[in-house]
Amino acid sequence: MSAPLVLKLVRHGQSRANTAEYDPQSHGDFRAELTPLGVEQARGAGLELGADFLRDALVYASPYRRAQQTLGAIFEATGGAELPAGVYEDPRLREVDHGYGDVKQQERLRETHGWFYYRYEGGESPADCYDRVSGFLESLMRQVERKAATRVLVVTHGLALRCFVTRFLHLTVAEFESLQNPANGAVVTLAPPDLLAGLPGPKLVRRRFGVAGLRFYDGATS
């Protein structure tokens, strides 16, 4: 019997954009780098994952600098574990595009048209992010089948991570909106329910898979 599929999703460590040291709209969101704390958070994620998990894993990451730096720090923390299956950069894992307008001035429009559906001026909506992450997931599952992989690591961003969980577990929009943004450097696990039992924090289970490592609004866990 083959081992069950386990996916580990990591949000990048704290970036200079998170601390307002860097203005992504003026200088390019993709260029924002990790802070020293963000590097430590990424190393902590690496220690939590462990070299054994990484050694046989398919590894994917957003091309944004903070995600790539997070991935590098994860490898360093585990002794530079080699990955025979390879490491893949995929732009579909990038952060949601907030466009070029003033995000705060658009809050009222977001409330009117729905947080999931509202598309930032010149940018994306969470629904747009969901669509591209869904395409990534379809590609990923083909690769999992092709390589008979049982371990997957994805290093991405907060909203893209929640879109991934929503698509993977077939959650509703209301359930998506109950998912809090994971902390910087957080490790989120998607796996069969019996493999989640020993992990800390609330769980959300849907059929054959569940998620651990996310925080929820309104007691959405089961």
N, C-alpha and C. Protein backbone atom coordinates (compact mmCIF):
# COMPACT_ATOMS: atom_id res chain seq x y z
N MET A 1 0.85 -1.20 0.00
CA MET A 1 0.00 0.00 0.00
C MET A 1 0.88 1.24 0.00
N SER A 2 0.62 2.20 -0.91
CA SER A 2 1.44 3.41 -0.99
C SER A 2 1.14 4.34 0.18
N ALA A 3 2.11 5.15 0.52
CA ALA A 3 1.95 6.12 1.61
C ALA A 3 0.94 7.19 1.20
N PRO A 4 0.19 7.74 2.17
CA PRO A 4 -0.79 8.79 1.85
C PRO A 4 -0.10 10.09 1.46
N LEU A 5 -0.79 10.89 0.69
CA LEU A 5 -0.27 12.18 0.27
C LEU A 5 -0.35 13.19 1.42
N VAL A 6 0.76 13.89 1.66
CA VAL A 6 0.83 14.94 2.66
C VAL A 6 1.38 16.20 2.00
N LEU A 7 0.67 17.29 2.14
CA LEU A 7 1.11 18.57 1.58
C LEU A 7 1.39 19.54 2.71
N LYS A 8 2.52 20.21 2.64
CA LYS A 8 2.89 21.24 3.61
C LYS A 8 2.95 22.57 2.88
N LEU A 9 2.15 23.51 3.34
CA LEU A 9 2.08 24.85 2.75
C LEU A 9 2.70 25.84 3.73
N VAL A 10 3.64 26.64 3.26
CA VAL A 10 4.33 27.59 4.13
C VAL A 10 4.12 29.00 3.61
N ARG A 11 3.66 29.88 4.50
CA ARG A 11 3.63 31.30 4.15
C ARG A 11 5.04 31.87 4.37
N HIS A 12 5.46 32.73 3.47
CA HIS A 12 6.78 33.33 3.60
C HIS A 12 6.96 34.00 4.96
N GLY A 13 8.21 34.15 5.37
CA GLY A 13 8.51 34.87 6.60
C GLY A 13 8.18 36.35 6.48
N GLN A 14 8.24 37.03 7.60
CA GLN A 14 7.93 38.46 7.62
C GLN A 14 8.80 39.21 6.61
N SER A 15 8.16 40.06 5.82
CA SER A 15 8.89 40.84 4.82
C SER A 15 8.90 42.32 5.22
N ARG A 16 9.72 43.08 4.53
CA ARG A 16 9.79 44.51 4.79
C ARG A 16 8.48 45.20 4.41
N ALA A 17 7.69 44.58 3.53
CA ALA A 17 6.37 45.12 3.22
C ALA A 17 5.42 44.91 4.39
N ASN A 18 5.56 43.80 5.11
CA ASN A 18 4.71 43.53 6.27
C ASN A 18 4.93 44.54 7.38
N THR A 19 6.16 45.07 7.48
CA THR A 19 6.49 46.02 8.55
C THR A 19 6.40 47.47 8.08
N ALA A 20 5.94 47.68 6.84
CA ALA A 20 5.79 49.02 6.25
C ALA A 20 7.13 49.72 6.04
N GLU A 21 8.22 48.96 6.06
CA GLU A 21 9.53 49.54 5.71
C GLU A 21 9.67 49.71 4.21
N TYR A 22 8.79 49.06 3.47
CA TYR A 22 8.90 49.00 2.02
C TYR A 22 7.51 49.19 1.43
N ASP A 23 7.40 50.06 0.44
CA ASP A 23 6.11 50.32 -0.21
C ASP A 23 6.04 49.51 -1.50
N PRO A 24 5.28 48.40 -1.50
CA PRO A 24 5.24 47.55 -2.69
C PRO A 24 4.63 48.22 -3.90
N GLN A 25 3.73 49.17 -3.69
CA GLN A 25 3.09 49.83 -4.83
C GLN A 25 4.04 50.79 -5.53
N SER A 26 5.02 51.31 -4.80
CA SER A 26 5.98 52.24 -5.39
C SER A 26 7.20 51.52 -5.96
N HIS A 27 7.57 50.41 -5.35
CA HIS A 27 8.84 49.77 -5.70
C HIS A 27 8.69 48.35 -6.25
N GLY A 28 7.47 47.82 -6.30
CA GLY A 28 7.27 46.48 -6.83
C GLY A 28 7.13 45.45 -5.72
N ASP A 29 5.94 44.87 -5.62
CA ASP A 29 5.67 43.92 -4.55
C ASP A 29 6.61 42.72 -4.61
N PHE A 30 6.95 42.29 -5.82
CA PHE A 30 7.76 41.08 -5.96
C PHE A 30 9.18 41.25 -5.42
N ARG A 31 9.62 42.50 -5.21
CA ARG A 31 10.98 42.75 -4.74
C ARG A 31 11.11 42.78 -3.21
N ALA A 32 10.01 42.81 -2.49
CA ALA A 32 10.06 42.92 -1.03
C ALA A 32 10.84 41.76 -0.43
N GLU A 33 11.82 42.07 0.42
CA GLU A 33 12.68 41.05 1.01
C GLU A 33 12.28 40.74 2.45
N LEU A 34 12.79 39.64 2.96
CA LEU A 34 12.54 39.26 4.34
C LEU A 34 13.27 40.19 5.31
N THR A 35 12.67 40.41 6.45
CA THR A 35 13.36 41.05 7.56
C THR A 35 14.20 40.00 8.28
N PRO A 36 15.11 40.41 9.18
CA PRO A 36 15.84 39.40 9.98
C PRO A 36 14.90 38.45 10.72
N LEU A 37 13.79 38.99 11.26
CA LEU A 37 12.82 38.12 11.91
C LEU A 37 12.21 37.15 10.91
N GLY A 38 11.94 37.63 9.69
CA GLY A 38 11.38 36.76 8.66
C GLY A 38 12.30 35.61 8.31
N VAL A 39 13.60 35.87 8.29
CA VAL A 39 14.56 34.79 8.03
C VAL A 39 14.50 33.75 9.14
N GLU A 40 14.42 34.22 10.38
CA GLU A 40 14.32 33.27 11.51
C GLU A 40 13.02 32.48 11.46
N GLN A 41 11.93 33.13 11.07
CA GLN A 41 10.65 32.42 10.94
C GLN A 41 10.75 31.33 9.86
N ALA A 42 11.42 31.65 8.77
CA ALA A 42 11.58 30.67 7.70
C ALA A 42 12.44 29.50 8.15
N ARG A 43 13.49 29.78 8.89
CA ARG A 43 14.34 28.71 9.42
C ARG A 43 13.54 27.84 10.39
N GLY A 44 12.69 28.49 11.18
CA GLY A 44 11.84 27.73 12.09
C GLY A 44 10.91 26.80 11.35
N ALA A 45 10.38 27.27 10.21
CA ALA A 45 9.52 26.40 9.38
C ALA A 45 10.32 25.21 8.87
N GLY A 46 11.59 25.45 8.49
CA GLY A 46 12.44 24.36 8.02
C GLY A 46 12.67 23.32 9.10
N LEU A 47 12.91 23.77 10.31
CA LEU A 47 13.11 22.82 11.41
C LEU A 47 11.83 22.04 11.69
N GLU A 48 10.69 22.70 11.58
CA GLU A 48 9.41 22.01 11.78
C GLU A 48 9.17 20.96 10.69
N LEU A 49 9.52 21.29 9.45
CA LEU A 49 9.34 20.35 8.35
C LEU A 49 10.29 19.16 8.47
N GLY A 50 11.56 19.45 8.70
CA GLY A 50 12.56 18.40 8.85
C GLY A 50 13.14 17.93 7.52
N ALA A 51 14.38 17.52 7.56
CA ALA A 51 15.09 17.08 6.36
C ALA A 51 14.44 15.85 5.74
N ASP A 52 13.90 14.96 6.56
CA ASP A 52 13.30 13.74 6.01
C ASP A 52 12.12 14.06 5.10
N PHE A 53 11.29 15.02 5.50
CA PHE A 53 10.15 15.39 4.67
C PHE A 53 10.62 15.99 3.35
N LEU A 54 11.62 16.87 3.42
CA LEU A 54 12.07 17.56 2.22
C LEU A 54 12.77 16.64 1.24
N ARG A 55 13.44 15.65 1.75
CA ARG A 55 14.29 14.82 0.89
C ARG A 55 13.51 14.17 -0.25
N ASP A 56 12.31 13.76 0.01
CA ASP A 56 11.51 13.06 -1.00
C ASP A 56 10.35 13.90 -1.53
N ALA A 57 10.38 15.18 -1.26
CA ALA A 57 9.22 16.02 -1.58
C ALA A 57 9.33 16.67 -2.95
N LEU A 58 8.18 16.88 -3.57
CA LEU A 58 8.07 17.84 -4.66
C LEU A 58 7.99 19.22 -4.04
N VAL A 59 8.77 20.16 -4.54
CA VAL A 59 8.84 21.48 -3.91
C VAL A 59 8.50 22.56 -4.94
N TYR A 60 7.56 23.42 -4.56
CA TYR A 60 7.12 24.52 -5.41
C TYR A 60 7.16 25.82 -4.62
N ALA A 61 7.46 26.92 -5.31
CA ALA A 61 7.49 28.21 -4.61
C ALA A 61 7.09 29.33 -5.55
N SER A 62 6.52 30.37 -4.96
CA SER A 62 6.27 31.61 -5.67
C SER A 62 7.60 32.21 -6.11
N PRO A 63 7.62 32.92 -7.25
CA PRO A 63 8.86 33.56 -7.68
C PRO A 63 9.19 34.85 -6.93
N TYR A 64 8.28 35.35 -6.09
CA TYR A 64 8.55 36.59 -5.37
C TYR A 64 9.75 36.42 -4.46
N ARG A 65 10.53 37.49 -4.29
CA ARG A 65 11.81 37.40 -3.58
C ARG A 65 11.63 36.87 -2.16
N ARG A 66 10.59 37.31 -1.46
CA ARG A 66 10.41 36.88 -0.07
C ARG A 66 10.10 35.40 0.02
N ALA A 67 9.41 34.86 -0.98
CA ALA A 67 9.12 33.42 -0.99
C ALA A 67 10.39 32.63 -1.31
N GLN A 68 11.18 33.12 -2.26
CA GLN A 68 12.42 32.44 -2.61
C GLN A 68 13.41 32.48 -1.45
N GLN A 69 13.46 33.60 -0.73
CA GLN A 69 14.33 33.69 0.45
C GLN A 69 13.84 32.74 1.55
N THR A 70 12.54 32.62 1.68
CA THR A 70 11.99 31.69 2.67
C THR A 70 12.38 30.26 2.33
N LEU A 71 12.27 29.91 1.07
CA LEU A 71 12.65 28.56 0.64
C LEU A 71 14.13 28.31 0.91
N GLY A 72 14.97 29.29 0.62
CA GLY A 72 16.40 29.14 0.90
C GLY A 72 16.69 28.93 2.36
N ALA A 73 16.00 29.68 3.22
CA ALA A 73 16.22 29.55 4.66
C ALA A 73 15.71 28.20 5.18
N ILE A 74 14.65 27.69 4.59
CA ILE A 74 14.15 26.35 4.96
C ILE A 74 15.22 25.31 4.66
N PHE A 75 15.83 25.39 3.47
CA PHE A 75 16.88 24.44 3.10
C PHE A 75 18.07 24.53 4.05
N GLU A 76 18.48 25.78 4.36
CA GLU A 76 19.62 25.98 5.25
C GLU A 76 19.37 25.37 6.63
N ALA A 77 18.14 25.53 7.13
CA ALA A 77 17.82 25.03 8.46
C ALA A 77 17.84 23.52 8.53
N THR A 78 17.66 22.86 7.40
CA THR A 78 17.63 21.40 7.39
C THR A 78 18.94 20.82 6.83
N GLY A 79 19.98 21.63 6.85
CA GLY A 79 21.28 21.14 6.42
C GLY A 79 21.44 21.10 4.92
N GLY A 80 20.67 21.92 4.20
CA GLY A 80 20.79 21.94 2.75
C GLY A 80 20.35 20.65 2.11
N ALA A 81 19.23 20.09 2.59
CA ALA A 81 18.74 18.81 2.07
C ALA A 81 18.59 18.85 0.56
N GLU A 82 19.11 17.83 -0.12
CA GLU A 82 18.97 17.74 -1.56
C GLU A 82 17.59 17.18 -1.90
N LEU A 83 17.06 17.64 -3.02
CA LEU A 83 15.71 17.26 -3.41
C LEU A 83 15.75 16.56 -4.76
N PRO A 84 15.82 15.23 -4.77
CA PRO A 84 15.90 14.51 -6.04
C PRO A 84 14.74 14.82 -6.98
N ALA A 85 13.57 15.08 -6.41
CA ALA A 85 12.39 15.34 -7.24
C ALA A 85 12.44 16.71 -7.90
N GLY A 86 13.29 17.59 -7.43
CA GLY A 86 13.43 18.91 -8.04
C GLY A 86 12.65 19.99 -7.32
N VAL A 87 13.04 21.21 -7.62
CA VAL A 87 12.38 22.39 -7.07
C VAL A 87 11.80 23.19 -8.23
N TYR A 88 10.54 23.60 -8.11
CA TYR A 88 9.85 24.27 -9.20
C TYR A 88 9.39 25.66 -8.75
N GLU A 89 9.65 26.65 -9.58
CA GLU A 89 9.12 28.00 -9.37
C GLU A 89 7.87 28.14 -10.21
N ASP A 90 6.77 28.61 -9.62
CA ASP A 90 5.53 28.72 -10.37
C ASP A 90 4.87 30.08 -10.10
N PRO A 91 4.76 30.94 -11.12
CA PRO A 91 4.16 32.26 -10.92
C PRO A 91 2.71 32.24 -10.46
N ARG A 92 2.02 31.12 -10.64
CA ARG A 92 0.63 31.04 -10.19
C ARG A 92 0.52 31.07 -8.67
N LEU A 93 1.65 30.90 -7.98
CA LEU A 93 1.67 30.93 -6.53
C LEU A 93 1.96 32.32 -5.97
N ARG A 94 2.04 33.33 -6.85
CA ARG A 94 2.39 34.68 -6.41
C ARG A 94 1.28 35.29 -5.54
N GLU A 95 1.62 36.39 -4.90
CA GLU A 95 0.66 37.11 -4.07
C GLU A 95 -0.45 37.69 -4.94
N VAL A 96 -1.62 37.90 -4.34
CA VAL A 96 -2.71 38.56 -5.07
C VAL A 96 -2.24 39.96 -5.47
N ASP A 97 -2.56 40.35 -6.68
CA ASP A 97 -2.13 41.65 -7.22
C ASP A 97 -3.09 42.72 -6.74
N HIS A 98 -2.58 43.65 -5.91
CA HIS A 98 -3.43 44.71 -5.37
C HIS A 98 -3.56 45.90 -6.31
N GLY A 99 -2.96 45.83 -7.49
CA GLY A 99 -3.12 46.90 -8.46
C GLY A 99 -2.30 48.12 -8.10
N TYR A 100 -2.71 49.26 -8.66
CA TYR A 100 -1.91 50.48 -8.53
C TYR A 100 -2.68 51.61 -7.86
N GLY A 101 -3.90 51.36 -7.45
CA GLY A 101 -4.68 52.38 -6.75
C GLY A 101 -4.44 52.32 -5.24
N ASP A 102 -5.08 53.20 -4.53
CA ASP A 102 -4.98 53.22 -3.07
C ASP A 102 -5.89 52.13 -2.51
N VAL A 103 -5.28 51.13 -1.90
CA VAL A 103 -6.04 49.97 -1.40
C VAL A 103 -7.04 50.39 -0.33
N LYS A 104 -6.63 51.26 0.58
CA LYS A 104 -7.51 51.66 1.68
C LYS A 104 -8.75 52.39 1.18
N GLN A 105 -8.59 53.17 0.10
CA GLN A 105 -9.75 53.90 -0.44
C GLN A 105 -10.75 52.99 -1.11
N GLN A 106 -10.38 51.75 -1.34
CA GLN A 106 -11.27 50.80 -2.01
C GLN A 106 -12.03 49.90 -1.01
N GLU A 107 -11.81 50.11 0.28
CA GLU A 107 -12.43 49.24 1.29
C GLU A 107 -13.95 49.26 1.21
N ARG A 108 -14.54 50.44 1.01
CA ARG A 108 -16.00 50.53 0.95
C ARG A 108 -16.55 49.76 -0.25
N LEU A 109 -15.85 49.86 -1.38
CA LEU A 109 -16.26 49.10 -2.56
C LEU A 109 -16.15 47.61 -2.32
N ARG A 110 -15.13 47.20 -1.60
CA ARG A 110 -14.97 45.77 -1.28
C ARG A 110 -16.13 45.28 -0.42
N GLU A 111 -16.54 46.11 0.53
CA GLU A 111 -17.67 45.72 1.38
C GLU A 111 -18.95 45.61 0.56
N THR A 112 -19.13 46.50 -0.40
CA THR A 112 -20.34 46.50 -1.23
C THR A 112 -20.39 45.29 -2.16
N HIS A 113 -19.27 45.01 -2.81
CA HIS A 113 -19.25 43.99 -3.86
C HIS A 113 -18.77 42.63 -3.39
N GLY A 114 -18.35 42.54 -2.15
CA GLY A 114 -17.93 41.26 -1.60
C GLY A 114 -16.42 41.11 -1.62
N TRP A 115 -15.87 40.76 -0.46
CA TRP A 115 -14.41 40.69 -0.32
C TRP A 115 -13.81 39.68 -1.28
N PHE A 116 -14.47 38.55 -1.49
CA PHE A 116 -13.94 37.51 -2.37
C PHE A 116 -14.00 37.93 -3.84
N TYR A 117 -15.00 38.73 -4.20
CA TYR A 117 -15.27 39.03 -5.60
C TYR A 117 -14.69 40.36 -6.08
N TYR A 118 -14.45 41.29 -5.17
CA TYR A 118 -14.01 42.62 -5.59
C TYR A 118 -12.61 42.57 -6.18
N ARG A 119 -12.46 43.13 -7.38
CA ARG A 119 -11.16 43.17 -8.06
C ARG A 119 -10.53 44.54 -7.82
N TYR A 120 -9.33 44.52 -7.23
CA TYR A 120 -8.63 45.78 -7.01
C TYR A 120 -8.41 46.52 -8.33
N GLU A 121 -8.45 47.84 -8.26
CA GLU A 121 -8.22 48.66 -9.43
C GLU A 121 -6.86 48.32 -10.06
N GLY A 122 -6.88 47.81 -11.28
CA GLY A 122 -5.65 47.43 -11.94
C GLY A 122 -5.04 46.14 -11.43
N GLY A 123 -5.78 45.41 -10.60
CA GLY A 123 -5.23 44.20 -9.99
C GLY A 123 -6.17 43.02 -10.07
N GLU A 124 -6.19 42.23 -8.99
CA GLU A 124 -6.97 41.00 -8.95
C GLU A 124 -7.96 41.01 -7.79
N SER A 125 -8.89 40.10 -7.85
CA SER A 125 -9.73 39.76 -6.72
C SER A 125 -9.24 38.45 -6.12
N PRO A 126 -9.64 38.12 -4.88
CA PRO A 126 -9.35 36.77 -4.39
C PRO A 126 -9.90 35.68 -5.31
N ALA A 127 -11.03 35.96 -5.98
CA ALA A 127 -11.58 34.98 -6.92
C ALA A 127 -10.62 34.74 -8.09
N ASP A 128 -9.96 35.80 -8.56
CA ASP A 128 -8.96 35.64 -9.62
C ASP A 128 -7.80 34.79 -9.13
N CYS A 129 -7.36 35.05 -7.91
CA CYS A 129 -6.27 34.27 -7.32
C CYS A 129 -6.69 32.81 -7.20
N TYR A 130 -7.93 32.58 -6.79
CA TYR A 130 -8.45 31.22 -6.67
C TYR A 130 -8.37 30.50 -8.01
N ASP A 131 -8.71 31.20 -9.10
CA ASP A 131 -8.71 30.58 -10.43
C ASP A 131 -7.31 30.12 -10.81
N ARG A 132 -6.31 30.97 -10.61
CA ARG A 132 -4.96 30.57 -11.02
C ARG A 132 -4.37 29.52 -10.09
N VAL A 133 -4.70 29.60 -8.81
CA VAL A 133 -4.23 28.57 -7.88
C VAL A 133 -4.89 27.23 -8.21
N SER A 134 -6.15 27.26 -8.66
CA SER A 134 -6.82 26.03 -9.09
C SER A 134 -6.08 25.40 -10.26
N GLY A 135 -5.64 26.22 -11.20
CA GLY A 135 -4.86 25.71 -12.32
C GLY A 135 -3.56 25.10 -11.86
N PHE A 136 -2.91 25.76 -10.90
CA PHE A 136 -1.68 25.20 -10.34
C PHE A 136 -1.94 23.85 -9.69
N LEU A 137 -3.01 23.74 -8.93
CA LEU A 137 -3.31 22.50 -8.23
C LEU A 137 -3.53 21.36 -9.23
N GLU A 138 -4.21 21.65 -10.31
CA GLU A 138 -4.42 20.61 -11.32
C GLU A 138 -3.08 20.13 -11.89
N SER A 139 -2.17 21.07 -12.18
CA SER A 139 -0.84 20.70 -12.67
C SER A 139 -0.08 19.91 -11.62
N LEU A 140 -0.18 20.34 -10.38
CA LEU A 140 0.51 19.66 -9.30
C LEU A 140 0.06 18.22 -9.16
N MET A 141 -1.24 17.99 -9.21
CA MET A 141 -1.74 16.62 -9.01
C MET A 141 -1.34 15.71 -10.16
N ARG A 142 -1.21 16.27 -11.36
CA ARG A 142 -0.68 15.46 -12.46
C ARG A 142 0.77 15.07 -12.20
N GLN A 143 1.53 16.01 -11.65
CA GLN A 143 2.93 15.72 -11.33
C GLN A 143 3.03 14.71 -10.19
N VAL A 144 2.17 14.83 -9.20
CA VAL A 144 2.15 13.86 -8.09
C VAL A 144 1.89 12.46 -8.63
N GLU A 145 0.93 12.35 -9.54
CA GLU A 145 0.62 11.04 -10.12
C GLU A 145 1.78 10.52 -10.98
N ARG A 146 2.36 11.41 -11.76
CA ARG A 146 3.44 11.00 -12.66
C ARG A 146 4.66 10.49 -11.88
N LYS A 147 4.98 11.16 -10.79
CA LYS A 147 6.18 10.81 -10.01
C LYS A 147 5.87 9.92 -8.82
N ALA A 148 4.59 9.55 -8.63
CA ALA A 148 4.17 8.76 -7.48
C ALA A 148 4.64 9.41 -6.18
N ALA A 149 4.53 10.74 -6.11
CA ALA A 149 4.99 11.49 -4.95
C ALA A 149 3.99 11.38 -3.80
N THR A 150 4.51 11.42 -2.59
CA THR A 150 3.66 11.38 -1.41
C THR A 150 3.87 12.59 -0.50
N ARG A 151 4.84 13.44 -0.85
CA ARG A 151 5.12 14.63 -0.05
C ARG A 151 5.28 15.83 -0.97
N VAL A 152 4.63 16.91 -0.58
CA VAL A 152 4.68 18.15 -1.38
C VAL A 152 4.89 19.32 -0.44
N LEU A 153 5.81 20.21 -0.82
CA LEU A 153 6.02 21.47 -0.11
C LEU A 153 5.70 22.61 -1.05
N VAL A 154 4.88 23.56 -0.58
CA VAL A 154 4.54 24.75 -1.36
C VAL A 154 4.85 25.97 -0.50
N VAL A 155 5.71 26.86 -1.00
CA VAL A 155 6.04 28.11 -0.30
C VAL A 155 5.37 29.24 -1.06
N THR A 156 4.47 29.94 -0.40
CA THR A 156 3.64 30.92 -1.11
C THR A 156 3.28 32.07 -0.18
N HIS A 157 2.14 32.68 -0.42
CA HIS A 157 1.69 33.89 0.28
C HIS A 157 0.36 33.60 0.97
N GLY A 158 -0.02 34.49 1.88
CA GLY A 158 -1.17 34.22 2.73
C GLY A 158 -2.46 33.96 1.98
N LEU A 159 -2.81 34.84 1.05
CA LEU A 159 -4.09 34.66 0.36
C LEU A 159 -4.03 33.49 -0.61
N ALA A 160 -2.91 33.35 -1.32
CA ALA A 160 -2.77 32.21 -2.24
C ALA A 160 -2.85 30.89 -1.47
N LEU A 161 -2.28 30.86 -0.28
CA LEU A 161 -2.33 29.65 0.54
C LEU A 161 -3.77 29.32 0.90
N ARG A 162 -4.54 30.32 1.30
CA ARG A 162 -5.94 30.07 1.66
C ARG A 162 -6.76 29.65 0.44
N CYS A 163 -6.45 30.21 -0.72
CA CYS A 163 -7.12 29.77 -1.95
C CYS A 163 -6.80 28.31 -2.25
N PHE A 164 -5.55 27.93 -2.03
CA PHE A 164 -5.14 26.54 -2.26
C PHE A 164 -5.93 25.60 -1.35
N VAL A 165 -6.01 25.92 -0.08
CA VAL A 165 -6.76 25.08 0.87
C VAL A 165 -8.23 25.02 0.47
N THR A 166 -8.79 26.15 0.09
CA THR A 166 -10.21 26.20 -0.31
C THR A 166 -10.47 25.29 -1.51
N ARG A 167 -9.60 25.37 -2.50
CA ARG A 167 -9.78 24.53 -3.70
C ARG A 167 -9.53 23.06 -3.39
N PHE A 168 -8.51 22.78 -2.63
CA PHE A 168 -8.15 21.38 -2.35
C PHE A 168 -9.25 20.68 -1.57
N LEU A 169 -9.84 21.37 -0.60
CA LEU A 169 -10.88 20.77 0.24
C LEU A 169 -12.29 21.05 -0.27
N HIS A 170 -12.41 21.75 -1.39
CA HIS A 170 -13.72 22.10 -1.97
C HIS A 170 -14.57 22.86 -0.95
N LEU A 171 -13.97 23.87 -0.33
CA LEU A 171 -14.70 24.69 0.63
C LEU A 171 -15.58 25.70 -0.11
N THR A 172 -16.56 26.21 0.60
CA THR A 172 -17.42 27.26 0.05
C THR A 172 -16.74 28.61 0.19
N VAL A 173 -17.30 29.63 -0.47
CA VAL A 173 -16.78 30.98 -0.32
C VAL A 173 -16.90 31.43 1.13
N ALA A 174 -18.00 31.10 1.78
CA ALA A 174 -18.18 31.47 3.19
C ALA A 174 -17.10 30.81 4.05
N GLU A 175 -16.76 29.56 3.77
CA GLU A 175 -15.70 28.89 4.52
C GLU A 175 -14.34 29.52 4.23
N PHE A 176 -14.12 29.89 2.97
CA PHE A 176 -12.88 30.60 2.64
C PHE A 176 -12.75 31.86 3.49
N GLU A 177 -13.84 32.59 3.60
CA GLU A 177 -13.80 33.85 4.35
C GLU A 177 -13.66 33.63 5.85
N SER A 178 -13.84 32.38 6.31
CA SER A 178 -13.64 32.08 7.72
C SER A 178 -12.18 31.76 8.04
N LEU A 179 -11.35 31.62 6.99
CA LEU A 179 -9.94 31.29 7.20
C LEU A 179 -9.14 32.56 7.47
N GLN A 180 -8.49 32.61 8.61
CA GLN A 180 -7.63 33.75 8.91
C GLN A 180 -6.31 33.61 8.16
N ASN A 181 -5.69 34.74 7.90
CA ASN A 181 -4.39 34.72 7.25
C ASN A 181 -3.39 34.01 8.16
N PRO A 182 -2.64 33.03 7.65
CA PRO A 182 -1.66 32.36 8.51
C PRO A 182 -0.54 33.31 8.90
N ALA A 183 0.09 33.06 10.01
CA ALA A 183 1.21 33.88 10.46
C ALA A 183 2.38 33.72 9.50
N ASN A 184 3.26 34.69 9.46
CA ASN A 184 4.46 34.57 8.66
C ASN A 184 5.28 33.38 9.12
N GLY A 185 5.68 32.55 8.17
CA GLY A 185 6.47 31.36 8.50
C GLY A 185 5.65 30.19 8.99
N ALA A 186 4.32 30.32 8.99
CA ALA A 186 3.47 29.22 9.47
C ALA A 186 3.51 28.05 8.51
N VAL A 187 3.43 26.84 9.07
CA VAL A 187 3.36 25.61 8.28
C VAL A 187 1.93 25.08 8.38
N VAL A 188 1.26 24.97 7.25
CA VAL A 188 -0.11 24.46 7.17
C VAL A 188 -0.07 23.09 6.52
N THR A 189 -0.76 22.12 7.12
CA THR A 189 -0.71 20.74 6.64
C THR A 189 -2.05 20.31 6.07
N LEU A 190 -2.01 19.74 4.87
CA LEU A 190 -3.16 19.08 4.26
C LEU A 190 -2.84 17.59 4.19
N ALA A 191 -3.70 16.78 4.80
CA ALA A 191 -3.41 15.34 4.88
C ALA A 191 -4.69 14.60 5.29
N PRO A 192 -4.68 13.28 5.17
CA PRO A 192 -5.81 12.51 5.70
C PRO A 192 -6.01 12.79 7.19
N PRO A 193 -7.25 12.77 7.67
CA PRO A 193 -7.53 13.17 9.06
C PRO A 193 -6.71 12.45 10.12
N ASP A 194 -6.42 11.15 9.93
CA ASP A 194 -5.69 10.43 10.96
C ASP A 194 -4.26 10.95 11.11
N LEU A 195 -3.70 11.55 10.06
CA LEU A 195 -2.35 12.10 10.15
C LEU A 195 -2.33 13.50 10.75
N LEU A 196 -3.50 14.10 10.90
CA LEU A 196 -3.59 15.43 11.51
C LEU A 196 -3.76 15.36 13.02
N ALA A 197 -4.08 14.18 13.52
CA ALA A 197 -4.48 14.04 14.92
C ALA A 197 -3.42 14.56 15.89
N GLY A 198 -2.16 14.34 15.60
CA GLY A 198 -1.11 14.74 16.53
C GLY A 198 -0.63 16.17 16.35
N LEU A 199 -1.20 16.90 15.40
CA LEU A 199 -0.77 18.27 15.16
C LEU A 199 -1.55 19.25 16.03
N PRO A 200 -0.90 20.32 16.49
CA PRO A 200 -1.59 21.28 17.36
C PRO A 200 -2.60 22.13 16.60
N GLY A 201 -3.52 22.74 17.35
CA GLY A 201 -4.45 23.69 16.77
C GLY A 201 -5.69 23.06 16.20
N PRO A 202 -6.63 23.91 15.75
CA PRO A 202 -7.90 23.43 15.20
C PRO A 202 -7.70 22.72 13.87
N LYS A 203 -8.66 21.88 13.53
CA LYS A 203 -8.63 21.13 12.28
C LYS A 203 -9.94 21.39 11.52
N LEU A 204 -9.85 21.30 10.22
CA LEU A 204 -11.04 21.36 9.37
C LEU A 204 -10.95 20.19 8.42
N VAL A 205 -11.94 19.28 8.48
CA VAL A 205 -11.89 18.04 7.70
C VAL A 205 -13.03 18.03 6.70
N ARG A 206 -12.70 17.66 5.48
CA ARG A 206 -13.70 17.49 4.43
C ARG A 206 -13.39 16.19 3.69
N ARG A 207 -14.24 15.20 3.91
CA ARG A 207 -14.10 13.89 3.28
C ARG A 207 -12.76 13.25 3.62
N ARG A 208 -11.93 12.97 2.61
CA ARG A 208 -10.73 12.18 2.84
C ARG A 208 -9.54 13.01 3.31
N PHE A 209 -9.66 14.34 3.30
CA PHE A 209 -8.54 15.19 3.68
C PHE A 209 -9.01 16.27 4.66
N GLY A 210 -8.04 16.80 5.38
CA GLY A 210 -8.31 17.90 6.28
C GLY A 210 -7.11 18.82 6.34
N VAL A 211 -7.27 19.93 7.07
CA VAL A 211 -6.20 20.90 7.19
C VAL A 211 -5.94 21.20 8.65
N ALA A 212 -4.67 21.39 8.98
CA ALA A 212 -4.26 21.83 10.32
C ALA A 212 -3.23 22.93 10.15
N GLY A 213 -3.21 23.86 11.11
CA GLY A 213 -2.24 24.95 11.05
C GLY A 213 -2.83 26.28 10.66
N LEU A 214 -4.13 26.31 10.36
CA LEU A 214 -4.82 27.55 10.06
C LEU A 214 -5.67 27.97 11.25
N ARG A 215 -5.88 29.27 11.35
CA ARG A 215 -6.80 29.80 12.36
C ARG A 215 -8.11 30.17 11.66
N PHE A 216 -9.19 30.14 12.43
CA PHE A 216 -10.51 30.31 11.83
C PHE A 216 -11.31 31.38 12.57
N TYR A 217 -12.16 32.07 11.81
CA TYR A 217 -13.19 32.93 12.39
C TYR A 217 -14.45 32.09 12.59
N ASP A 218 -15.25 32.43 13.55
CA ASP A 218 -16.62 31.90 13.69
C ASP A 218 -16.69 30.39 13.91
N GLY A 219 -15.66 29.79 14.48
CA GLY A 219 -15.72 28.37 14.83
C GLY A 219 -16.04 27.46 13.69
N ALA A 220 -15.34 27.62 12.56
CA ALA A 220 -15.66 26.86 11.35
C ALA A 220 -15.10 25.45 11.35
N THR A 221 -14.38 25.05 12.40
CA THR A 221 -13.73 23.74 12.37
C THR A 221 -14.72 22.62 12.67
N SER A 222 -14.29 21.39 12.35
CA SER A 222 -15.13 20.23 12.62
C SER A 222 -14.32 19.18 13.35
